[in-house]
Amino acid sequence: MENLDFTCPGELGNTGFAYTMSLISGKYKMHILYCLATHKVIRFNEMKRVIGGRLTFRTLSSTLKDLERDGLISRHEYPQIPPKVEYALTQKGESLMPVMKALCQWGSQHMPGRGDCSSKTNEIL
């Protein structure tokens, strides 16, 4: 394993780590990014179904706005009735995929009692 330098040049808040965490921390942000990585382009209701769980419309909407504000996803609204809105990763969002792939591989290696999902992860990300 390579020797990583984790020295902090002062406060943790002034590091690349803190900036990255400010973009991806939150209960559903990584779920949304993973969903967009697997589906490329997806509509709001479909995303809610894919993510599942107790995700509310309000929480999904708010989280999507945060990710769009941070430049990780794009929102394309079509002028029609009923409204059609699609979401996709931006180039900045795509640049996070190697990080997500590493997290998935780490999880596959350390998750107790689970099969390896690294081949699926490699195909997706």
C-alpha atoms as a PDB file:
ATOM      1  CA  MET A   1       0.000   0.000   0.000  1.00  0.00           C
ATOM      2  CA  GLU A   2       1.301   3.426  -0.863  1.00  0.00           C
ATOM      3  CA  ASN A   3       2.262   5.784   1.931  1.00  0.00           C
ATOM      4  CA  LEU A   4      -0.358   8.545   2.004  1.00  0.00           C
ATOM      5  CA  ASP A   5       0.451  11.913   3.496  1.00  0.00           C
ATOM      6  CA  PHE A   6      -2.403  12.956   5.779  1.00  0.00           C
ATOM      7  CA  THR A   7      -0.704  15.964   7.319  1.00  0.00           C
ATOM      8  CA  CYS A   8      -3.042  18.871   7.936  1.00  0.00           C
ATOM      9  CA  PRO A   9      -1.764  22.312   7.006  1.00  0.00           C
ATOM     10  CA  GLY A  10      -3.592  24.026   9.887  1.00  0.00           C
ATOM     11  CA  GLU A  11      -7.312  23.567  10.346  1.00  0.00           C
ATOM     12  CA  LEU A  12      -9.074  20.596   8.839  1.00  0.00           C
ATOM     13  CA  GLY A  13     -11.596  23.039   7.369  1.00  0.00           C
ATOM     14  CA  ASN A  14      -8.964  24.362   4.967  1.00  0.00           C
ATOM     15  CA  THR A  15      -8.173  21.031   3.325  1.00  0.00           C
ATOM     16  CA  GLY A  16      -9.264  19.286   0.152  1.00  0.00           C
ATOM     17  CA  PHE A  17     -10.724  16.547   2.341  1.00  0.00           C
ATOM     18  CA  ALA A  18     -13.014  19.013   4.123  1.00  0.00           C
ATOM     19  CA  TYR A  19     -14.109  20.549   0.805  1.00  0.00           C
ATOM     20  CA  THR A  20     -14.874  17.138  -0.694  1.00  0.00           C
ATOM     21  CA  MET A  21     -16.817  16.079   2.400  1.00  0.00           C
ATOM     22  CA  SER A  22     -18.820  19.311   2.295  1.00  0.00           C
ATOM     23  CA  LEU A  23     -19.987  18.332  -1.206  1.00  0.00           C
ATOM     24  CA  ILE A  24     -20.811  14.665  -0.588  1.00  0.00           C
ATOM     25  CA  SER A  25     -21.789  14.496   3.078  1.00  0.00           C
ATOM     26  CA  GLY A  26     -25.448  14.063   3.762  1.00  0.00           C
ATOM     27  CA  LYS A  27     -27.725  11.085   4.109  1.00  0.00           C
ATOM     28  CA  TYR A  28     -28.660  10.684   0.428  1.00  0.00           C
ATOM     29  CA  LYS A  29     -26.037  12.549  -1.630  1.00  0.00           C
ATOM     30  CA  MET A  30     -23.889   9.493  -2.338  1.00  0.00           C
ATOM     31  CA  HIS A  31     -27.019   7.440  -3.076  1.00  0.00           C
ATOM     32  CA  ILE A  32     -28.084  10.030  -5.660  1.00  0.00           C
ATOM     33  CA  LEU A  33     -24.624  10.189  -7.228  1.00  0.00           C
ATOM     34  CA  TYR A  34     -24.491   6.388  -7.435  1.00  0.00           C
ATOM     35  CA  CYS A  35     -27.982   6.328  -8.961  1.00  0.00           C
ATOM     36  CA  LEU A  36     -26.925   8.865 -11.603  1.00  0.00           C
ATOM     37  CA  ALA A  37     -23.734   6.917 -12.304  1.00  0.00           C
ATOM     38  CA  THR A  38     -25.768   3.785 -12.988  1.00  0.00           C
ATOM     39  CA  HIS A  39     -28.656   5.381 -14.915  1.00  0.00           C
ATOM     40  CA  LYS A  40     -26.796   8.275 -16.615  1.00  0.00           C
ATOM     41  CA  VAL A  41     -30.010  10.325 -16.995  1.00  0.00           C
ATOM     42  CA  ILE A  42     -32.996   9.850 -14.710  1.00  0.00           C
ATOM     43  CA  ARG A  43     -36.242  11.590 -13.826  1.00  0.00           C
ATOM     44  CA  PHE A  44     -37.232  12.618 -10.293  1.00  0.00           C
ATOM     45  CA  ASN A  45     -39.880   9.959  -9.559  1.00  0.00           C
ATOM     46  CA  GLU A  46     -37.790   7.170 -11.056  1.00  0.00           C
ATOM     47  CA  MET A  47     -34.843   8.236  -8.899  1.00  0.00           C
ATOM     48  CA  LYS A  48     -37.039   8.178  -5.805  1.00  0.00           C
ATOM     49  CA  ARG A  49     -38.166   4.630  -6.643  1.00  0.00           C
ATOM     50  CA  VAL A  50     -34.595   3.450  -7.321  1.00  0.00           C
ATOM     51  CA  ILE A  51     -33.218   4.883  -4.068  1.00  0.00           C
ATOM     52  CA  GLY A  52     -36.248   3.741  -2.057  1.00  0.00           C
ATOM     53  CA  GLY A  53     -36.173   3.653   1.711  1.00  0.00           C
ATOM     54  CA  ARG A  54     -37.697   6.483   3.671  1.00  0.00           C
ATOM     55  CA  LEU A  55     -36.550   9.173   1.261  1.00  0.00           C
ATOM     56  CA  THR A  56     -39.248  11.846   1.093  1.00  0.00           C
ATOM     57  CA  PHE A  57     -40.013  14.033  -1.916  1.00  0.00           C
ATOM     58  CA  ARG A  58     -38.933  17.087   0.087  1.00  0.00           C
ATOM     59  CA  THR A  59     -35.597  15.546   1.083  1.00  0.00           C
ATOM     60  CA  LEU A  60     -34.875  14.349  -2.455  1.00  0.00           C
ATOM     61  CA  SER A  61     -35.752  17.750  -3.902  1.00  0.00           C
ATOM     62  CA  SER A  62     -33.586  19.596  -1.375  1.00  0.00           C
ATOM     63  CA  THR A  63     -30.636  17.232  -1.863  1.00  0.00           C
ATOM     64  CA  LEU A  64     -30.865  17.519  -5.658  1.00  0.00           C
ATOM     65  CA  LYS A  65     -30.814  21.322  -5.341  1.00  0.00           C
ATOM     66  CA  ASP A  66     -27.697  21.107  -3.147  1.00  0.00           C
ATOM     67  CA  LEU A  67     -25.910  18.839  -5.626  1.00  0.00           C
ATOM     68  CA  GLU A  68     -26.912  21.095  -8.525  1.00  0.00           C
ATOM     69  CA  ARG A  69     -25.731  24.207  -6.644  1.00  0.00           C
ATOM     70  CA  ASP A  70     -22.394  22.498  -6.010  1.00  0.00           C
ATOM     71  CA  GLY A  71     -22.047  21.670  -9.707  1.00  0.00           C
ATOM     72  CA  LEU A  72     -22.115  17.877  -9.313  1.00  0.00           C
ATOM     73  CA  ILE A  73     -25.364  17.297 -11.201  1.00  0.00           C
ATOM     74  CA  SER A  74     -27.309  19.056 -13.927  1.00  0.00           C
ATOM     75  CA  ARG A  75     -31.048  19.559 -14.130  1.00  0.00           C
ATOM     76  CA  HIS A  76     -32.752  19.765 -17.501  1.00  0.00           C
ATOM     77  CA  GLU A  77     -36.373  20.910 -17.550  1.00  0.00           C
ATOM     78  CA  TYR A  78     -38.466  20.328 -20.658  1.00  0.00           C
ATOM     79  CA  PRO A  79     -41.195  22.895 -21.415  1.00  0.00           C
ATOM     80  CA  GLN A  80     -44.189  20.585 -21.560  1.00  0.00           C
ATOM     81  CA  ILE A  81     -47.288  19.598 -19.629  1.00  0.00           C
ATOM     82  CA  PRO A  82     -46.885  17.686 -17.375  1.00  0.00           C
ATOM     83  CA  PRO A  83     -43.423  18.999 -16.558  1.00  0.00           C
ATOM     84  CA  LYS A  84     -40.511  16.706 -17.375  1.00  0.00           C
ATOM     85  CA  VAL A  85     -37.242  17.136 -15.487  1.00  0.00           C
ATOM     86  CA  GLU A  86     -34.152  14.975 -15.934  1.00  0.00           C
ATOM     87  CA  TYR A  87     -30.998  14.835 -13.854  1.00  0.00           C
ATOM     88  CA  ALA A  88     -27.488  13.785 -14.879  1.00  0.00           C
ATOM     89  CA  LEU A  89     -23.938  13.976 -13.570  1.00  0.00           C
ATOM     90  CA  THR A  90     -21.871  16.943 -14.678  1.00  0.00           C
ATOM     91  CA  GLN A  91     -18.207  16.635 -15.600  1.00  0.00           C
ATOM     92  CA  LYS A  92     -17.386  17.613 -12.012  1.00  0.00           C
ATOM     93  CA  GLY A  93     -19.742  14.888 -10.744  1.00  0.00           C
ATOM     94  CA  GLU A  94     -18.202  12.349 -13.119  1.00  0.00           C
ATOM     95  CA  SER A  95     -14.796  13.180 -11.668  1.00  0.00           C
ATOM     96  CA  LEU A  96     -15.998  11.740  -8.315  1.00  0.00           C
ATOM     97  CA  MET A  97     -16.637   8.303  -9.833  1.00  0.00           C
ATOM     98  CA  PRO A  98     -13.111   6.954  -9.160  1.00  0.00           C
ATOM     99  CA  VAL A  99     -13.630   7.863  -5.486  1.00  0.00           C
ATOM    100  CA  MET A 100     -17.007   6.098  -5.451  1.00  0.00           C
ATOM    101  CA  LYS A 101     -15.495   3.078  -7.185  1.00  0.00           C
ATOM    102  CA  ALA A 102     -12.800   2.892  -4.504  1.00  0.00           C
ATOM    103  CA  LEU A 103     -15.458   3.087  -1.767  1.00  0.00           C
ATOM    104  CA  CYS A 104     -17.471   0.306  -3.413  1.00  0.00           C
ATOM    105  CA  GLN A 105     -14.407  -1.905  -3.743  1.00  0.00           C
ATOM    106  CA  TRP A 106     -13.434  -1.274  -0.122  1.00  0.00           C
ATOM    107  CA  GLY A 107     -16.974  -2.153   0.982  1.00  0.00           C
ATOM    108  CA  SER A 108     -16.941  -5.338  -1.088  1.00  0.00           C
ATOM    109  CA  GLN A 109     -13.702  -6.417   0.541  1.00  0.00           C
ATOM    110  CA  HIS A 110     -14.775  -5.659   4.118  1.00  0.00           C
ATOM    111  CA  MET A 111     -18.512  -6.361   4.204  1.00  0.00           C
ATOM    112  CA  PRO A 112     -19.140  -9.425   6.382  1.00  0.00           C
ATOM    113  CA  GLY A 113     -21.099 -12.269   4.829  1.00  0.00           C
ATOM    114  CA  ARG A 114     -21.561 -10.649   1.427  1.00  0.00           C
ATOM    115  CA  GLY A 115     -20.439 -11.685  -2.022  1.00  0.00           C
ATOM    116  CA  ASP A 116     -18.069  -9.608  -4.084  1.00  0.00           C
ATOM    117  CA  CYS A 117     -19.790  -6.889  -6.098  1.00  0.00           C
ATOM    118  CA  SER A 118     -16.583  -5.464  -7.557  1.00  0.00           C
ATOM    119  CA  SER A 119     -17.326  -6.745 -11.070  1.00  0.00           C
ATOM    120  CA  LYS A 120     -20.693  -4.970 -11.055  1.00  0.00           C
ATOM    121  CA  THR A 121     -19.071  -1.827  -9.645  1.00  0.00           C
ATOM    122  CA  ASN A 122     -16.399  -1.890 -12.354  1.00  0.00           C
ATOM    123  CA  GLU A 123     -19.104  -2.046 -15.033  1.00  0.00           C
ATOM    124  CA  ILE A 124     -21.119   0.813 -13.520  1.00  0.00           C
ATOM    125  CA  LEU A 125     -18.423   3.236 -12.454  1.00  0.00           C
END
